[in-house]
N, C-alpha and C. Protein backbone atom coordinates (compact mmCIF):
# COMPACT_ATOMS: atom_id res chain seq x y z
N MET A 1 -15.45 17.48 -7.52
CA MET A 1 -15.78 18.70 -8.69
C MET A 1 -16.25 19.97 -7.72
N ASP A 2 -16.01 21.09 -8.47
CA ASP A 2 -16.13 22.26 -7.71
C ASP A 2 -17.37 22.66 -8.45
N LEU A 3 -17.97 23.99 -7.97
CA LEU A 3 -19.09 24.75 -8.23
C LEU A 3 -18.70 26.01 -8.89
N SER A 4 -19.36 26.29 -9.97
CA SER A 4 -19.08 27.45 -10.92
C SER A 4 -20.19 28.35 -10.87
N LEU A 5 -20.26 29.40 -10.47
CA LEU A 5 -21.28 30.35 -10.26
C LEU A 5 -21.08 31.86 -11.21
N SER A 6 -22.09 32.22 -12.12
CA SER A 6 -21.96 33.38 -12.80
C SER A 6 -23.55 34.11 -12.81
N THR A 7 -23.34 35.18 -12.85
CA THR A 7 -24.63 35.84 -12.95
C THR A 7 -24.84 36.90 -13.91
N ARG A 8 -26.21 37.16 -14.59
CA ARG A 8 -26.41 38.19 -15.66
C ARG A 8 -27.48 38.76 -15.54
N SER A 9 -28.17 39.66 -15.86
CA SER A 9 -29.43 40.24 -16.08
C SER A 9 -29.92 40.00 -17.54
N VAL A 10 -30.99 39.63 -17.47
CA VAL A 10 -32.19 39.38 -18.68
C VAL A 10 -33.25 39.97 -18.44
N GLY A 11 -33.53 41.30 -18.83
CA GLY A 11 -34.78 42.02 -18.71
C GLY A 11 -34.78 42.38 -17.09
N ASP A 12 -35.76 41.88 -16.47
CA ASP A 12 -35.84 41.99 -14.94
C ASP A 12 -35.62 40.92 -14.18
N ARG A 13 -35.19 40.21 -14.73
CA ARG A 13 -34.83 38.73 -14.21
C ARG A 13 -33.22 38.77 -13.98
N THR A 14 -32.80 38.01 -12.84
CA THR A 14 -31.34 37.92 -12.86
C THR A 14 -31.07 36.17 -12.89
N VAL A 15 -30.42 35.97 -14.14
CA VAL A 15 -29.96 34.48 -14.14
C VAL A 15 -28.79 34.15 -13.53
N VAL A 16 -28.83 32.92 -12.76
CA VAL A 16 -27.56 32.45 -12.11
C VAL A 16 -27.26 31.26 -12.79
N GLU A 17 -26.24 30.93 -13.42
CA GLU A 17 -25.75 30.06 -14.34
C GLU A 17 -24.97 29.13 -12.97
N VAL A 18 -25.12 28.04 -13.03
CA VAL A 18 -24.71 27.12 -12.07
C VAL A 18 -23.95 25.99 -12.72
N GLY A 19 -22.74 25.49 -12.55
CA GLY A 19 -22.06 24.55 -13.01
C GLY A 19 -21.58 23.63 -12.25
N GLY A 20 -21.38 22.39 -12.29
CA GLY A 20 -20.54 21.27 -11.27
C GLY A 20 -21.73 20.59 -10.58
N GLU A 21 -21.23 20.37 -9.51
CA GLU A 21 -21.88 19.61 -8.43
C GLU A 21 -22.70 20.52 -7.37
N ILE A 22 -23.78 20.38 -7.01
CA ILE A 22 -24.40 21.24 -5.83
C ILE A 22 -24.75 20.04 -4.91
N ASP A 23 -23.51 19.95 -4.00
CA ASP A 23 -23.77 19.35 -2.50
C ASP A 23 -23.30 19.84 -1.48
N VAL A 24 -23.38 18.89 -0.44
CA VAL A 24 -22.98 19.33 0.98
C VAL A 24 -22.06 20.32 1.19
N TYR A 25 -20.86 20.00 0.34
CA TYR A 25 -19.33 20.77 0.14
C TYR A 25 -19.59 22.12 -0.63
N THR A 26 -20.69 22.31 -1.65
CA THR A 26 -20.38 23.41 -2.54
C THR A 26 -21.61 24.08 -2.40
N ALA A 27 -22.69 23.58 -1.70
CA ALA A 27 -24.13 24.26 -1.62
C ALA A 27 -23.97 25.62 -0.87
N PRO A 28 -23.08 25.66 0.15
CA PRO A 28 -23.09 27.04 0.89
C PRO A 28 -22.86 28.24 -0.09
N LYS A 29 -21.80 27.93 -1.09
CA LYS A 29 -21.39 29.15 -2.27
C LYS A 29 -22.80 29.16 -2.82
N LEU A 30 -23.64 28.38 -3.24
CA LEU A 30 -24.83 28.72 -3.88
C LEU A 30 -25.81 29.66 -3.18
N ARG A 31 -26.01 29.17 -1.72
CA ARG A 31 -26.49 29.87 -0.81
C ARG A 31 -25.96 31.17 -0.56
N GLU A 32 -24.84 31.37 -0.61
CA GLU A 32 -24.48 32.77 -0.32
C GLU A 32 -24.60 33.71 -1.55
N GLN A 33 -24.89 33.13 -2.79
CA GLN A 33 -24.92 33.69 -4.02
C GLN A 33 -26.30 34.48 -4.03
N LEU A 34 -27.44 33.51 -3.56
CA LEU A 34 -28.41 33.77 -3.53
C LEU A 34 -29.21 34.72 -2.37
N VAL A 35 -28.42 34.76 -1.41
CA VAL A 35 -28.56 35.72 -0.21
C VAL A 35 -28.26 37.03 -0.87
N GLU A 36 -27.01 37.06 -1.38
CA GLU A 36 -26.39 38.30 -1.61
C GLU A 36 -27.32 38.92 -2.81
N LEU A 37 -27.69 38.23 -3.67
CA LEU A 37 -28.59 38.66 -4.87
C LEU A 37 -30.08 39.25 -4.27
N VAL A 38 -30.68 38.79 -3.20
CA VAL A 38 -31.85 39.18 -2.77
C VAL A 38 -31.51 40.28 -1.56
N ASN A 39 -30.48 40.27 -1.04
CA ASN A 39 -29.94 41.60 -0.30
C ASN A 39 -29.74 42.69 -1.07
N ASP A 40 -29.47 42.35 -2.42
CA ASP A 40 -29.00 43.59 -3.53
C ASP A 40 -30.33 43.84 -4.00
N GLY A 41 -31.41 43.48 -3.68
CA GLY A 41 -32.93 43.80 -4.18
C GLY A 41 -33.30 43.06 -5.62
N LYS A 42 -32.54 41.87 -6.01
CA LYS A 42 -32.78 41.11 -7.04
C LYS A 42 -34.02 40.03 -6.40
N TYR A 43 -35.01 40.17 -6.81
CA TYR A 43 -35.99 39.15 -6.37
C TYR A 43 -36.62 38.28 -7.44
N HIS A 44 -36.35 38.49 -8.59
CA HIS A 44 -36.84 37.57 -9.60
C HIS A 44 -35.67 37.00 -10.25
N LEU A 45 -35.40 35.75 -9.75
CA LEU A 45 -34.18 34.90 -10.08
C LEU A 45 -34.79 33.48 -11.02
N VAL A 46 -33.55 33.25 -11.75
CA VAL A 46 -33.81 32.22 -12.58
C VAL A 46 -32.46 31.45 -12.55
N VAL A 47 -32.44 30.23 -12.04
CA VAL A 47 -31.12 29.28 -11.60
C VAL A 47 -31.15 28.62 -12.91
N ASP A 48 -29.89 28.65 -13.81
CA ASP A 48 -30.01 27.72 -14.96
C ASP A 48 -28.97 26.73 -14.29
N MET A 49 -29.65 25.66 -14.15
CA MET A 49 -28.97 24.07 -13.95
C MET A 49 -28.48 23.33 -15.07
N GLU A 50 -28.24 23.97 -16.36
CA GLU A 50 -28.16 23.15 -17.42
C GLU A 50 -26.77 22.22 -17.12
N GLY A 51 -25.88 23.00 -16.51
CA GLY A 51 -24.42 22.64 -16.27
C GLY A 51 -24.11 21.92 -14.93
N VAL A 52 -25.27 21.42 -14.30
CA VAL A 52 -25.22 20.76 -12.98
C VAL A 52 -25.12 19.34 -13.30
N ASP A 53 -23.94 18.91 -12.65
CA ASP A 53 -23.89 17.42 -12.76
C ASP A 53 -24.57 16.55 -12.02
N PHE A 54 -24.87 17.07 -10.81
CA PHE A 54 -24.92 16.41 -9.34
C PHE A 54 -25.67 17.27 -8.32
N LEU A 55 -26.72 16.86 -7.88
CA LEU A 55 -27.55 17.65 -7.09
C LEU A 55 -27.95 16.52 -5.75
N ASP A 56 -27.59 16.88 -4.36
CA ASP A 56 -28.11 16.28 -3.38
C ASP A 56 -29.12 17.06 -2.55
N SER A 57 -29.26 16.46 -1.38
CA SER A 57 -30.44 17.30 -0.50
C SER A 57 -30.05 18.40 0.19
N THR A 58 -28.68 18.63 0.12
CA THR A 58 -28.29 19.88 0.74
C THR A 58 -28.65 20.84 -0.39
N GLY A 59 -28.30 20.73 -1.77
CA GLY A 59 -28.59 21.44 -2.83
C GLY A 59 -29.99 21.82 -2.86
N LEU A 60 -30.80 20.84 -2.62
CA LEU A 60 -32.08 21.14 -2.82
C LEU A 60 -32.73 22.19 -1.73
N GLY A 61 -32.03 21.72 -0.30
CA GLY A 61 -32.50 22.65 0.64
C GLY A 61 -32.08 24.23 0.42
N VAL A 62 -30.98 24.43 -0.19
CA VAL A 62 -30.49 25.70 -0.72
C VAL A 62 -31.62 26.61 -1.73
N LEU A 63 -31.86 25.61 -2.78
CA LEU A 63 -33.11 26.12 -3.82
C LEU A 63 -34.10 26.48 -3.11
N VAL A 64 -34.69 25.59 -2.04
CA VAL A 64 -36.00 25.70 -1.32
C VAL A 64 -35.65 27.17 -0.44
N GLY A 65 -34.69 27.25 0.19
CA GLY A 65 -34.36 28.63 1.02
C GLY A 65 -34.48 29.93 0.13
N GLY A 66 -33.88 29.62 -0.94
CA GLY A 66 -33.77 30.80 -1.95
C GLY A 66 -35.00 30.99 -2.16
N LEU A 67 -36.11 29.98 -2.59
CA LEU A 67 -37.48 30.51 -3.11
C LEU A 67 -38.13 31.04 -1.84
N LYS A 68 -37.91 30.72 -0.61
CA LYS A 68 -38.34 31.14 0.43
C LYS A 68 -38.21 32.59 0.55
N ARG A 69 -36.88 33.25 0.24
CA ARG A 69 -36.36 34.34 0.41
C ARG A 69 -36.86 35.29 -0.46
N VAL A 70 -37.03 34.99 -1.83
CA VAL A 70 -37.51 35.76 -2.86
C VAL A 70 -39.33 36.00 -2.78
N ARG A 71 -39.48 35.21 -2.20
CA ARG A 71 -41.38 35.02 -1.97
C ARG A 71 -41.37 35.97 -0.88
N ALA A 72 -40.66 36.47 0.23
CA ALA A 72 -40.75 37.26 1.17
C ALA A 72 -40.80 38.64 0.61
N HIS A 73 -40.22 38.84 -0.54
CA HIS A 73 -40.17 40.00 -1.21
C HIS A 73 -41.24 40.03 -2.72
N GLU A 74 -42.30 39.27 -2.65
CA GLU A 74 -43.27 39.06 -3.70
C GLU A 74 -42.33 38.62 -4.99
N GLY A 75 -41.24 38.02 -4.84
CA GLY A 75 -40.29 37.63 -6.18
C GLY A 75 -40.82 36.08 -6.37
N SER A 76 -39.76 35.56 -7.32
CA SER A 76 -39.98 34.45 -7.77
C SER A 76 -38.52 33.55 -8.13
N LEU A 77 -38.69 32.34 -7.94
CA LEU A 77 -37.48 31.62 -8.48
C LEU A 77 -37.85 30.65 -9.45
N ARG A 78 -37.36 30.65 -10.57
CA ARG A 78 -37.44 29.60 -11.60
C ARG A 78 -36.18 28.74 -11.95
N LEU A 79 -36.55 27.49 -12.25
CA LEU A 79 -35.37 26.73 -12.36
C LEU A 79 -35.00 26.29 -14.08
N VAL A 80 -34.12 26.09 -14.56
CA VAL A 80 -33.97 25.88 -15.80
C VAL A 80 -33.12 24.39 -15.90
N CYS A 81 -33.83 23.50 -16.28
CA CYS A 81 -33.24 21.90 -16.01
C CYS A 81 -33.68 21.25 -17.39
N ASN A 82 -32.95 20.47 -18.00
CA ASN A 82 -33.53 19.55 -19.09
C ASN A 82 -32.91 18.19 -19.05
N GLN A 83 -32.11 17.98 -17.96
CA GLN A 83 -31.27 16.75 -17.57
C GLN A 83 -32.19 15.75 -16.93
N GLU A 84 -32.73 14.69 -17.31
CA GLU A 84 -33.49 13.74 -16.54
C GLU A 84 -32.91 13.38 -15.30
N ARG A 85 -31.53 13.10 -15.12
CA ARG A 85 -31.25 12.43 -13.69
C ARG A 85 -31.36 13.77 -12.75
N ILE A 86 -31.38 14.92 -12.86
CA ILE A 86 -31.76 15.99 -12.03
C ILE A 86 -33.20 16.19 -12.04
N LEU A 87 -33.71 16.15 -13.13
CA LEU A 87 -35.24 16.31 -12.89
C LEU A 87 -36.02 15.40 -12.12
N LYS A 88 -35.42 13.98 -12.46
CA LYS A 88 -36.04 12.99 -11.51
C LYS A 88 -35.86 13.25 -10.11
N ILE A 89 -34.96 13.66 -9.48
CA ILE A 89 -34.74 14.44 -8.10
C ILE A 89 -35.98 15.12 -7.62
N PHE A 90 -36.18 16.02 -8.39
CA PHE A 90 -37.30 17.14 -8.32
C PHE A 90 -38.80 16.40 -8.24
N ARG A 91 -38.76 15.47 -9.24
CA ARG A 91 -39.92 14.63 -9.13
C ARG A 91 -40.33 13.77 -8.25
N ILE A 92 -39.35 13.06 -7.68
CA ILE A 92 -39.09 12.24 -6.38
C ILE A 92 -39.70 12.99 -5.29
N THR A 93 -38.99 14.21 -5.04
CA THR A 93 -39.16 14.92 -3.73
C THR A 93 -40.59 15.69 -3.85
N GLY A 94 -41.13 15.72 -4.80
CA GLY A 94 -42.35 16.61 -5.03
C GLY A 94 -42.23 18.08 -5.22
N LEU A 95 -40.90 18.28 -5.53
CA LEU A 95 -40.61 19.80 -5.56
C LEU A 95 -40.85 20.23 -6.89
N THR A 96 -41.25 19.54 -7.98
CA THR A 96 -41.89 20.29 -9.48
C THR A 96 -43.44 20.73 -8.93
N LYS A 97 -43.65 20.50 -7.87
CA LYS A 97 -45.01 21.55 -7.42
C LYS A 97 -44.62 22.80 -6.90
N VAL A 98 -43.40 22.71 -6.42
CA VAL A 98 -43.04 23.84 -5.61
C VAL A 98 -42.15 24.88 -6.74
N PHE A 99 -41.26 24.39 -7.58
CA PHE A 99 -40.60 25.01 -8.59
C PHE A 99 -41.38 25.17 -10.10
N PRO A 100 -41.11 26.35 -10.61
CA PRO A 100 -41.59 26.29 -12.13
C PRO A 100 -40.19 26.13 -12.84
N ILE A 101 -40.17 24.85 -13.47
CA ILE A 101 -38.83 24.29 -14.27
C ILE A 101 -39.45 24.14 -15.54
N HIS A 102 -38.16 24.93 -16.37
CA HIS A 102 -38.10 25.32 -17.60
C HIS A 102 -37.15 24.63 -18.40
N THR A 103 -37.18 24.58 -19.65
CA THR A 103 -36.36 23.84 -20.51
C THR A 103 -35.06 24.76 -20.94
N SER A 104 -35.36 26.04 -21.02
CA SER A 104 -34.38 26.89 -21.58
C SER A 104 -34.46 28.34 -20.64
N VAL A 105 -33.36 29.12 -20.64
CA VAL A 105 -33.31 30.47 -20.07
C VAL A 105 -34.45 31.46 -20.61
N GLU A 106 -34.57 31.19 -21.76
CA GLU A 106 -35.11 32.13 -22.55
C GLU A 106 -37.09 31.84 -22.16
N ASP A 107 -37.36 30.43 -22.02
CA ASP A 107 -38.52 30.18 -21.40
C ASP A 107 -38.70 30.57 -20.03
N ALA A 108 -37.77 30.58 -19.44
CA ALA A 108 -37.97 30.92 -17.90
C ALA A 108 -38.22 32.47 -17.63
N VAL A 109 -37.18 33.08 -18.57
CA VAL A 109 -37.40 34.60 -18.22
C VAL A 109 -38.76 35.24 -18.97
N ASN A 110 -39.36 34.55 -19.94
CA ASN A 110 -40.49 34.79 -20.44
C ASN A 110 -41.69 34.41 -19.96
N ALA A 111 -41.64 33.39 -19.01
CA ALA A 111 -42.87 32.88 -18.40
C ALA A 111 -43.47 33.88 -17.60
N THR A 112 -44.94 33.48 -17.48
CA THR A 112 -45.47 34.49 -16.47
C THR A 112 -46.30 33.65 -15.38
N ASP A 113 -45.73 32.49 -15.02
CA ASP A 113 -46.08 31.62 -13.86
C ASP A 113 -45.94 32.15 -12.60
């Protein structure tokens, strides 16, 4: 399966909609997108993972790298995920303590965390 990416602005946030699988083959595409956004001055990102079917450790690494990038500019990276199988990966790895995870894009955009 391939990875689909699209971006849109919602207020002062940039929403990155991700669909498909984030794995060792597709993760570089997501990394490239996040790097490009930060280079363009977009430091408050929301990664909408509602359409993600699979996430592996490479994908997690890309998200952590993106978080480090935006934090270097006093930014934020919030995740939108309501699929139990994907949330379980974040819980097992302890990354629920690192990433603010929301159930909808609206919640993520309006959050003050």
